[in-house]
């Protein structure tokens, strides 16, 4: 794909939409957006008419549902066409959007997140920038909120939103490792407030506070808040939280040691 060419863009990190090669947003009917999202979620695998019908309407679909699917496919085919190339192809196996024939924000997001994970041990500044670029692709906090009445798309949206949480964690982790504690602290504090049952956000907040000279706040106020949300409200154990508090009270202040304690804890409460 040449960088100087204008390609149609499909977006699902927010409401489902297509921006044509001219840059204009293309209006799509609700069921057409569902067909598009199902094809994007298939990640290059063909999806048959029957699969699309069952996903959108279920077993009690109207008799003309296959015709409606074919009509939506014609609309989408025109929308994602780039010059003489066809991004949406048809075969005996079904319909397929070729991943390299148009720009899909979810595909790019996953690529950037993978790159950030690869870079962060040796290049935390670069990893932070890459994670930030990945998060900038999101238009709001939810993926595909306009089509999640389709069960498979609801599951795909939940998966993408979990990856967004991981990108947020990577951005904060990389910022802390590169010494940008003052930049990381407000972000991770807000994330812990918005998602109080994710242990990793609380761990990162405690480390950010400790590294910025707020050790008492980290080991008392923040620890009690985190324990309330993670243990008292859910009835679960939070070993990573308690281990981090012990290490902070023991006097461990090495950024490397504290960040290792974060990366060793992978559990979050749903």
Protein backbone atom coordinates (compact mmCIF):
# COMPACT_ATOMS: atom_id res chain seq x y z
CA UNK A 1 0.00 0.00 0.00
CA UNK A 2 1.52 3.31 -1.07
CA UNK A 3 1.48 6.06 1.54
CA UNK A 4 0.66 8.79 -0.99
CA UNK A 5 -2.56 7.12 -2.07
CA UNK A 6 -5.90 7.87 -0.49
CA UNK A 7 -7.66 4.73 0.68
CA UNK A 8 -11.13 4.20 2.09
CA UNK A 9 -11.11 3.87 5.86
CA UNK A 10 -13.32 1.59 7.93
CA UNK A 11 -13.72 2.53 11.58
CA UNK A 12 -15.12 0.37 14.38
CA UNK A 13 -13.27 1.88 17.37
CA UNK A 14 -16.38 3.92 18.07
CA UNK A 15 -19.57 3.94 15.97
CA UNK A 16 -19.19 1.89 12.77
CA UNK A 17 -18.49 4.08 9.76
CA UNK A 18 -16.73 4.31 6.41
CA UNK A 19 -14.82 7.28 5.09
CA UNK A 20 -14.46 7.04 1.31
CA UNK A 21 -11.27 7.64 -0.64
CA UNK A 22 -12.45 11.25 -1.13
CA UNK A 23 -12.41 11.71 2.67
CA UNK A 24 -16.19 12.06 2.99
CA UNK A 25 -18.13 9.97 5.50
CA UNK A 26 -20.56 7.57 3.83
CA UNK A 27 -24.00 7.15 5.41
CA UNK A 28 -24.94 3.53 6.05
CA UNK A 29 -28.19 1.96 7.21
CA UNK A 30 -28.04 0.23 10.62
CA UNK A 31 -28.10 -3.31 9.19
CA UNK A 32 -25.50 -2.34 6.61
CA UNK A 33 -23.21 -1.24 9.45
CA UNK A 34 -23.73 -4.66 11.05
CA UNK A 35 -22.72 -6.44 7.84
CA UNK A 36 -19.62 -4.25 7.62
CA UNK A 37 -18.66 -4.85 11.26
CA UNK A 38 -19.07 -8.62 10.87
CA UNK A 39 -16.79 -8.62 7.83
CA UNK A 40 -14.18 -6.54 9.64
CA UNK A 41 -14.36 -8.75 12.73
CA UNK A 42 -13.67 -11.78 10.50
CA UNK A 43 -10.19 -10.29 9.86
CA UNK A 44 -9.88 -11.41 6.27
CA UNK A 45 -11.78 -14.68 6.56
CA UNK A 46 -14.77 -15.13 4.21
CA UNK A 47 -18.24 -14.85 5.73
CA UNK A 48 -21.16 -16.52 3.97
CA UNK A 49 -24.60 -15.01 3.39
CA UNK A 50 -26.05 -17.57 5.79
CA UNK A 51 -23.61 -16.60 8.53
CA UNK A 52 -24.44 -12.93 8.11
CA UNK A 53 -28.19 -13.64 8.19
CA UNK A 54 -27.94 -15.78 11.35
CA UNK A 55 -25.70 -13.25 13.10
CA UNK A 56 -27.95 -10.27 12.40
CA UNK A 57 -31.46 -11.76 12.55
CA UNK A 58 -31.03 -15.10 14.31
CA UNK A 59 -33.03 -18.22 13.51
CA UNK A 60 -36.25 -16.26 13.06
CA UNK A 61 -34.96 -14.16 10.19
CA UNK A 62 -37.37 -12.81 7.56
CA UNK A 63 -37.52 -14.72 4.23
CA UNK A 64 -35.99 -11.79 2.34
CA UNK A 65 -32.96 -11.51 4.70
CA UNK A 66 -30.48 -13.01 2.16
CA UNK A 67 -31.60 -10.43 -0.40
CA UNK A 68 -31.09 -7.67 2.16
CA UNK A 69 -27.56 -8.93 2.82
CA UNK A 70 -26.73 -8.90 -0.88
CA UNK A 71 -28.10 -5.37 -1.15
CA UNK A 72 -25.91 -4.22 1.74
CA UNK A 73 -22.90 -5.93 0.16
CA UNK A 74 -23.44 -3.93 -3.05
CA UNK A 75 -23.49 -0.70 -1.04
CA UNK A 76 -20.35 -1.66 0.87
CA UNK A 77 -18.54 -2.80 -2.25
CA UNK A 78 -18.96 0.63 -3.76
CA UNK A 79 -17.98 2.33 -0.51
CA UNK A 80 -14.67 0.51 -0.03
CA UNK A 81 -13.64 0.48 -3.70
CA UNK A 82 -10.31 2.20 -4.35
CA UNK A 83 -9.89 3.24 -7.98
CA UNK A 84 -9.89 -0.04 -9.91
CA UNK A 85 -9.28 -2.27 -6.87
CA UNK A 86 -12.01 -4.10 -5.00
CA UNK A 87 -11.53 -4.45 -1.26
CA UNK A 88 -14.72 -6.49 -0.78
CA UNK A 89 -14.54 -9.70 -2.76
CA UNK A 90 -16.90 -12.64 -3.25
CA UNK A 91 -16.05 -16.33 -3.48
CA UNK A 92 -17.85 -19.63 -3.00
CA UNK A 93 -16.93 -19.38 0.69
CA UNK A 94 -18.57 -15.97 1.13
CA UNK A 95 -17.70 -12.29 1.32
CA UNK A 96 -14.34 -11.00 2.43
CA UNK A 97 -12.70 -7.66 3.12
CA UNK A 98 -9.02 -7.95 2.31
CA UNK A 99 -7.08 -6.51 5.30
CA UNK A 100 -4.48 -4.84 3.04
CA UNK A 101 -6.96 -3.26 0.62
CA UNK A 102 -8.41 -0.58 2.91
CA UNK A 103 -7.53 1.12 6.18
CA UNK A 104 -9.22 -0.46 9.22
CA UNK A 105 -8.68 1.34 12.53
CA UNK A 106 -8.97 -1.85 14.62
CA UNK A 107 -6.26 -3.59 12.59
CA UNK A 108 -3.95 -0.58 12.94
CA UNK A 109 -4.69 -0.35 16.67
CA UNK A 110 -3.62 -3.95 17.24
CA UNK A 111 -0.46 -3.42 15.19
CA UNK A 112 0.51 -0.37 17.23
CA UNK A 113 -0.20 -2.12 20.53
CA UNK A 114 2.01 -5.04 19.50
CA UNK A 115 4.74 -2.60 18.49
CA UNK A 116 4.50 -0.79 21.83
CA UNK A 117 4.85 -4.08 23.72
CA UNK A 118 7.89 -4.98 21.64
CA UNK A 119 9.58 -1.62 22.12
CA UNK A 120 8.98 -0.90 25.78
CA UNK A 121 11.79 -2.92 27.45
CA UNK A 122 14.54 -1.10 25.52
CA UNK A 123 12.76 2.04 24.34
CA UNK A 124 10.13 3.13 26.88
CA UNK A 125 9.81 6.62 25.36
CA UNK A 126 9.11 5.13 21.93
CA UNK A 127 6.73 2.59 23.46
CA UNK A 128 4.78 5.37 25.19
CA UNK A 129 4.47 7.29 21.92
CA UNK A 130 3.31 4.20 20.06
CA UNK A 131 0.74 3.30 22.75
CA UNK A 132 -0.54 6.88 22.65
CA UNK A 133 -0.89 6.68 18.85
CA UNK A 134 -2.89 3.46 19.27
CA UNK A 135 -5.24 5.06 21.78
CA UNK A 136 -5.70 8.11 19.56
CA UNK A 137 -7.49 5.87 17.05
CA UNK A 138 -10.41 5.45 19.44
CA UNK A 139 -13.49 7.67 19.10
CA UNK A 140 -14.91 7.29 22.58
CA UNK A 141 -14.55 4.50 25.11
CA UNK A 142 -16.63 1.83 23.35
CA UNK A 143 -16.13 -0.14 20.15
CA UNK A 144 -19.12 -0.48 17.82
CA UNK A 145 -21.75 0.76 20.33
CA UNK A 146 -24.32 1.03 17.50
CA UNK A 147 -24.20 -2.68 16.55
CA UNK A 148 -23.64 -4.57 19.82
CA UNK A 149 -27.14 -6.04 19.72
CA UNK A 150 -25.43 -8.63 17.50
CA UNK A 151 -23.97 -11.18 19.92
CA UNK A 152 -20.73 -11.90 18.07
CA UNK A 153 -20.08 -8.18 17.64
CA UNK A 154 -20.71 -7.63 21.35
CA UNK A 155 -17.97 -10.17 22.07
CA UNK A 156 -15.63 -8.55 19.54
CA UNK A 157 -16.28 -5.12 21.06
CA UNK A 158 -15.48 -6.44 24.55
CA UNK A 159 -12.23 -7.91 23.21
CA UNK A 160 -11.20 -4.60 21.60
CA UNK A 161 -12.07 -2.68 24.75
CA UNK A 162 -9.90 -5.06 26.78
CA UNK A 163 -7.03 -4.33 24.39
CA UNK A 164 -7.68 -0.62 24.91
CA UNK A 165 -7.23 -1.14 28.65
CA UNK A 166 -3.96 -2.92 27.92
CA UNK A 167 -2.82 -0.03 25.73
CA UNK A 168 -3.61 2.38 28.59
CA UNK A 169 -1.57 0.19 30.95
CA UNK A 170 1.30 0.11 28.45
CA UNK A 171 1.26 3.89 28.06
CA UNK A 172 1.41 4.46 31.82
CA UNK A 173 4.02 1.73 32.34
CA UNK A 174 6.24 3.15 29.58
CA UNK A 175 5.84 6.70 30.92
CA UNK A 176 6.84 5.59 34.42
CA UNK A 177 9.84 3.67 33.12
CA UNK A 178 11.04 6.65 31.10
CA UNK A 179 10.80 8.92 34.14
CA UNK A 180 7.69 10.83 33.00
CA UNK A 181 5.93 10.31 36.32
CA UNK A 182 4.25 13.72 36.37
CA UNK A 183 2.63 12.97 33.02
CA UNK A 184 1.57 9.46 34.01
CA UNK A 185 0.09 10.28 37.41
CA UNK A 186 -3.03 12.25 36.34
CA UNK A 187 -3.82 9.69 33.64
CA UNK A 188 -3.56 6.64 35.85
CA UNK A 189 -5.49 8.34 38.67
CA UNK A 190 -8.37 8.97 36.30
CA UNK A 191 -8.23 5.40 34.97
CA UNK A 192 -8.36 3.95 38.48
CA UNK A 193 -11.39 6.12 39.27
CA UNK A 194 -13.19 5.12 36.06
CA UNK A 195 -12.32 1.40 36.29
CA UNK A 196 -11.95 0.65 40.01
CA UNK A 197 -12.01 -3.13 39.61
CA UNK A 198 -8.88 -3.36 37.51
CA UNK A 199 -6.02 -4.24 39.83
CA UNK A 200 -3.30 -3.16 37.40
CA UNK A 201 -4.56 0.45 37.37
CA UNK A 202 -4.37 0.63 41.17
CA UNK A 203 -0.88 -0.89 41.18
CA UNK A 204 0.29 1.64 38.62
CA UNK A 205 -1.28 4.48 40.61
CA UNK A 206 0.48 3.43 43.81
CA UNK A 207 3.83 3.21 42.00
CA UNK A 208 3.30 6.57 40.30
CA UNK A 209 2.50 8.18 43.64
CA UNK A 210 5.51 6.58 45.33
CA UNK A 211 7.87 7.67 42.56
CA UNK A 212 6.55 11.23 42.75
CA UNK A 213 7.19 11.46 46.50
CA UNK A 214 3.68 10.59 47.69
CA UNK A 215 4.62 7.40 49.54
CA UNK A 216 2.20 7.90 52.45
CA UNK A 217 -0.67 8.53 50.05
CA UNK A 218 0.23 5.43 48.04
CA UNK A 219 0.50 3.04 50.98
CA UNK A 220 -2.47 4.33 52.96
CA UNK A 221 -5.18 6.27 51.13
CA UNK A 222 -4.79 4.71 47.68
CA UNK A 223 -4.16 1.24 49.10
CA UNK A 224 -7.36 1.39 51.18
CA UNK A 225 -9.39 2.62 48.22
CA UNK A 226 -8.00 -0.14 46.02
CA UNK A 227 -8.62 -2.81 48.64
CA UNK A 228 -12.19 -1.62 49.08
CA UNK A 229 -12.94 -1.98 45.36
CA UNK A 230 -10.90 -5.11 44.68
CA UNK A 231 -11.48 -7.13 47.85
CA UNK A 232 -14.45 -5.90 49.90
CA UNK A 233 -16.78 -5.29 46.94
CA UNK A 234 -15.89 -8.48 45.07
CA UNK A 235 -14.86 -10.90 47.80
CA UNK A 236 -11.69 -11.73 45.90
CA UNK A 237 -8.07 -11.64 46.99
CA UNK A 238 -5.66 -9.03 45.61
CA UNK A 239 -2.18 -10.46 46.23
CA UNK A 240 -0.46 -8.01 43.89
CA UNK A 241 -1.88 -5.04 45.77
CA UNK A 242 -0.81 -6.35 49.17
CA UNK A 243 2.64 -7.36 47.89
CA UNK A 244 3.23 -3.89 46.45
CA UNK A 245 2.22 -2.21 49.70
CA UNK A 246 4.62 -4.43 51.67
CA UNK A 247 7.50 -3.56 49.32
CA UNK A 248 6.76 0.16 49.51
CA UNK A 249 6.61 0.06 53.32
CA UNK A 250 9.85 -1.93 53.33
CA UNK A 251 11.51 1.00 51.60
CA UNK A 252 11.78 -0.30 48.03
CA UNK A 253 12.00 2.79 45.82
CA UNK A 254 13.80 1.46 42.74
CA UNK A 255 11.62 2.22 39.70
CA UNK A 256 12.78 -1.01 38.06
CA UNK A 257 11.82 -3.14 41.06
CA UNK A 258 8.45 -1.45 41.47
CA UNK A 259 7.60 -1.77 37.77
CA UNK A 260 8.54 -5.44 37.87
CA UNK A 261 5.97 -5.92 40.64
CA UNK A 262 3.34 -4.40 38.33
CA UNK A 263 4.21 -6.57 35.35
CA UNK A 264 4.10 -9.71 37.52
CA UNK A 265 0.43 -9.07 38.32
CA UNK A 266 -1.86 -9.69 35.35
CA UNK A 267 -5.23 -10.21 37.02
CA UNK A 268 -8.04 -7.69 36.85
CA UNK A 269 -11.56 -8.12 38.13
CA UNK A 270 -14.14 -7.88 35.36
